[in-house]
Structures are given as C-alpha cells and as structure tokens.
Amino acid sequence: MQKFFLFVFVFALLLTLVSVDAQAQCSICTRTAQQLGEKPAKGLNAGILYLALTPLLLIGFIGYRFYKKYYTSKED
C-alpha cells in the first residue's frame, strides 16, 4: 500500500513539474463572455460546467470503487 501512495505522490509531483501555463485561456473566455452579454455568458458557463462534469464523475467513480474495494474487504 505504501508503494502505491509513493507512486501517486511521484506521479503528482511530475505532473506539476511538466504542467503547461494556460492562464491566458481564462482571460479570453472572460473577455468573450463580457462582450456577448448576459444570456450567451450563461450558456458559456453552462458549457464549461458540462465539460467539467464527465472528468469529475469519472474521478468520483474511481474513488468510490477504490474505497469500496479496500475498506469493505477489511471489514469481512
């Protein structure tokens, strides 16, 4: 189990070192939403939430399966 956490830590560390700066994208989205008005801005926000939903659900499902596998097997 400790090897797994060490692997996750090293993997997360490598991801932070190799990350790409993407802050300009947020300013473009903000500027576009301001220029379009209120109704298209709400649609843009809904689209962003829709795109974020799939990875978040996938991560949640994997975490749930991990939790069920390791903690229910210890109770038996």
C-alpha atoms as a PDB file:
ATOM      1  CA  MET A   1       0.000   0.000   0.000  1.00  0.00           C
ATOM      2  CA  GLN A   2       2.884   2.355   0.746  1.00  0.00           C
ATOM      3  CA  LYS A   3       4.330   1.725  -2.710  1.00  0.00           C
ATOM      4  CA  PHE A   4       1.021   2.805  -4.224  1.00  0.00           C
ATOM      5  CA  PHE A   5       0.982   6.093  -2.305  1.00  0.00           C
ATOM      6  CA  LEU A   6       4.634   6.691  -3.191  1.00  0.00           C
ATOM      7  CA  PHE A   7       3.787   6.120  -6.856  1.00  0.00           C
ATOM      8  CA  VAL A   8       0.828   8.528  -6.671  1.00  0.00           C
ATOM      9  CA  PHE A   9       2.981  11.159  -4.944  1.00  0.00           C
ATOM     10  CA  VAL A  10       5.787  10.891  -7.510  1.00  0.00           C
ATOM     11  CA  PHE A  11       3.276  10.948 -10.368  1.00  0.00           C
ATOM     12  CA  ALA A  12       1.567  14.065  -8.976  1.00  0.00           C
ATOM     13  CA  LEU A  13       4.946  15.726  -8.468  1.00  0.00           C
ATOM     14  CA  LEU A  14       5.952  15.004 -12.065  1.00  0.00           C
ATOM     15  CA  LEU A  15       2.631  16.358 -13.330  1.00  0.00           C
ATOM     16  CA  THR A  16       3.177  19.637 -11.503  1.00  0.00           C
ATOM     17  CA  LEU A  17       6.682  19.961 -12.918  1.00  0.00           C
ATOM     18  CA  VAL A  18       5.544  19.323 -16.501  1.00  0.00           C
ATOM     19  CA  SER A  19       2.381  21.441 -16.380  1.00  0.00           C
ATOM     20  CA  VAL A  20       1.695  23.953 -19.132  1.00  0.00           C
ATOM     21  CA  ASP A  21       0.719  27.510 -18.286  1.00  0.00           C
ATOM     22  CA  ALA A  22      -2.834  28.073 -19.530  1.00  0.00           C
ATOM     23  CA  GLN A  23      -3.905  31.248 -17.735  1.00  0.00           C
ATOM     24  CA  ALA A  24      -4.436  33.145 -20.992  1.00  0.00           C
ATOM     25  CA  GLN A  25      -7.389  30.940 -21.859  1.00  0.00           C
ATOM     26  CA  CYS A  26      -9.352  32.161 -18.842  1.00  0.00           C
ATOM     27  CA  SER A  27      -8.918  35.810 -19.777  1.00  0.00           C
ATOM     28  CA  ILE A  28     -10.086  35.082 -23.319  1.00  0.00           C
ATOM     29  CA  CYS A  29     -13.210  33.328 -22.034  1.00  0.00           C
ATOM     30  CA  THR A  30     -13.902  36.181 -19.621  1.00  0.00           C
ATOM     31  CA  ARG A  31     -13.485  38.837 -22.282  1.00  0.00           C
ATOM     32  CA  THR A  32     -15.678  36.919 -24.733  1.00  0.00           C
ATOM     33  CA  ALA A  33     -18.403  36.458 -22.129  1.00  0.00           C
ATOM     34  CA  GLN A  34     -18.341  40.173 -21.304  1.00  0.00           C
ATOM     35  CA  GLN A  35     -18.677  41.138 -24.959  1.00  0.00           C
ATOM     36  CA  LEU A  36     -21.530  38.732 -25.724  1.00  0.00           C
ATOM     37  CA  GLY A  37     -23.866  39.805 -22.950  1.00  0.00           C
ATOM     38  CA  GLU A  38     -25.705  38.041 -20.154  1.00  0.00           C
ATOM     39  CA  LYS A  39     -27.588  35.240 -21.938  1.00  0.00           C
ATOM     40  CA  PRO A  40     -24.643  33.900 -24.002  1.00  0.00           C
ATOM     41  CA  ALA A  41     -22.411  34.215 -20.926  1.00  0.00           C
ATOM     42  CA  LYS A  42     -24.763  31.930 -19.003  1.00  0.00           C
ATOM     43  CA  GLY A  43     -24.613  29.480 -21.903  1.00  0.00           C
ATOM     44  CA  LEU A  44     -20.809  29.621 -21.855  1.00  0.00           C
ATOM     45  CA  ASN A  45     -20.790  28.912 -18.113  1.00  0.00           C
ATOM     46  CA  ALA A  46     -23.203  26.006 -18.598  1.00  0.00           C
ATOM     47  CA  GLY A  47     -20.932  24.608 -21.323  1.00  0.00           C
ATOM     48  CA  ILE A  48     -17.895  24.825 -19.063  1.00  0.00           C
ATOM     49  CA  LEU A  49     -19.769  23.002 -16.300  1.00  0.00           C
ATOM     50  CA  TYR A  50     -20.942  20.375 -18.787  1.00  0.00           C
ATOM     51  CA  LEU A  51     -17.373  19.762 -19.959  1.00  0.00           C
ATOM     52  CA  ALA A  52     -16.127  19.524 -16.363  1.00  0.00           C
ATOM     53  CA  LEU A  53     -18.849  17.074 -15.328  1.00  0.00           C
ATOM     54  CA  THR A  54     -17.521  13.998 -17.150  1.00  0.00           C
ATOM     55  CA  PRO A  55     -13.980  14.002 -15.673  1.00  0.00           C
ATOM     56  CA  LEU A  56     -15.329  14.780 -12.209  1.00  0.00           C
ATOM     57  CA  LEU A  57     -17.826  11.914 -12.380  1.00  0.00           C
ATOM     58  CA  LEU A  58     -15.102   9.579 -13.624  1.00  0.00           C
ATOM     59  CA  ILE A  59     -12.761  10.547 -10.789  1.00  0.00           C
ATOM     60  CA  GLY A  60     -15.602  10.162  -8.288  1.00  0.00           C
ATOM     61  CA  PHE A  61     -16.490   6.718  -9.632  1.00  0.00           C
ATOM     62  CA  ILE A  62     -12.876   5.537  -9.473  1.00  0.00           C
ATOM     63  CA  GLY A  63     -12.563   6.882  -5.927  1.00  0.00           C
ATOM     64  CA  TYR A  64     -15.792   5.160  -4.887  1.00  0.00           C
ATOM     65  CA  ARG A  65     -14.657   1.828  -6.346  1.00  0.00           C
ATOM     66  CA  PHE A  66     -11.279   2.196  -4.629  1.00  0.00           C
ATOM     67  CA  TYR A  67     -12.987   2.947  -1.316  1.00  0.00           C
ATOM     68  CA  LYS A  68     -15.401   0.022  -1.625  1.00  0.00           C
ATOM     69  CA  LYS A  69     -12.650  -2.412  -2.646  1.00  0.00           C
ATOM     70  CA  TYR A  70     -10.205  -1.612   0.132  1.00  0.00           C
ATOM     71  CA  TYR A  71     -12.497  -0.792   3.031  1.00  0.00           C
ATOM     72  CA  THR A  72     -15.196  -3.429   2.598  1.00  0.00           C
ATOM     73  CA  SER A  73     -12.597  -6.192   2.197  1.00  0.00           C
ATOM     74  CA  LYS A  74     -11.053  -5.224   5.548  1.00  0.00           C
ATOM     75  CA  GLU A  75     -14.424  -5.499   7.309  1.00  0.00           C
ATOM     76  CA  ASP A  76     -15.005  -9.090   6.126  1.00  0.00           C
END
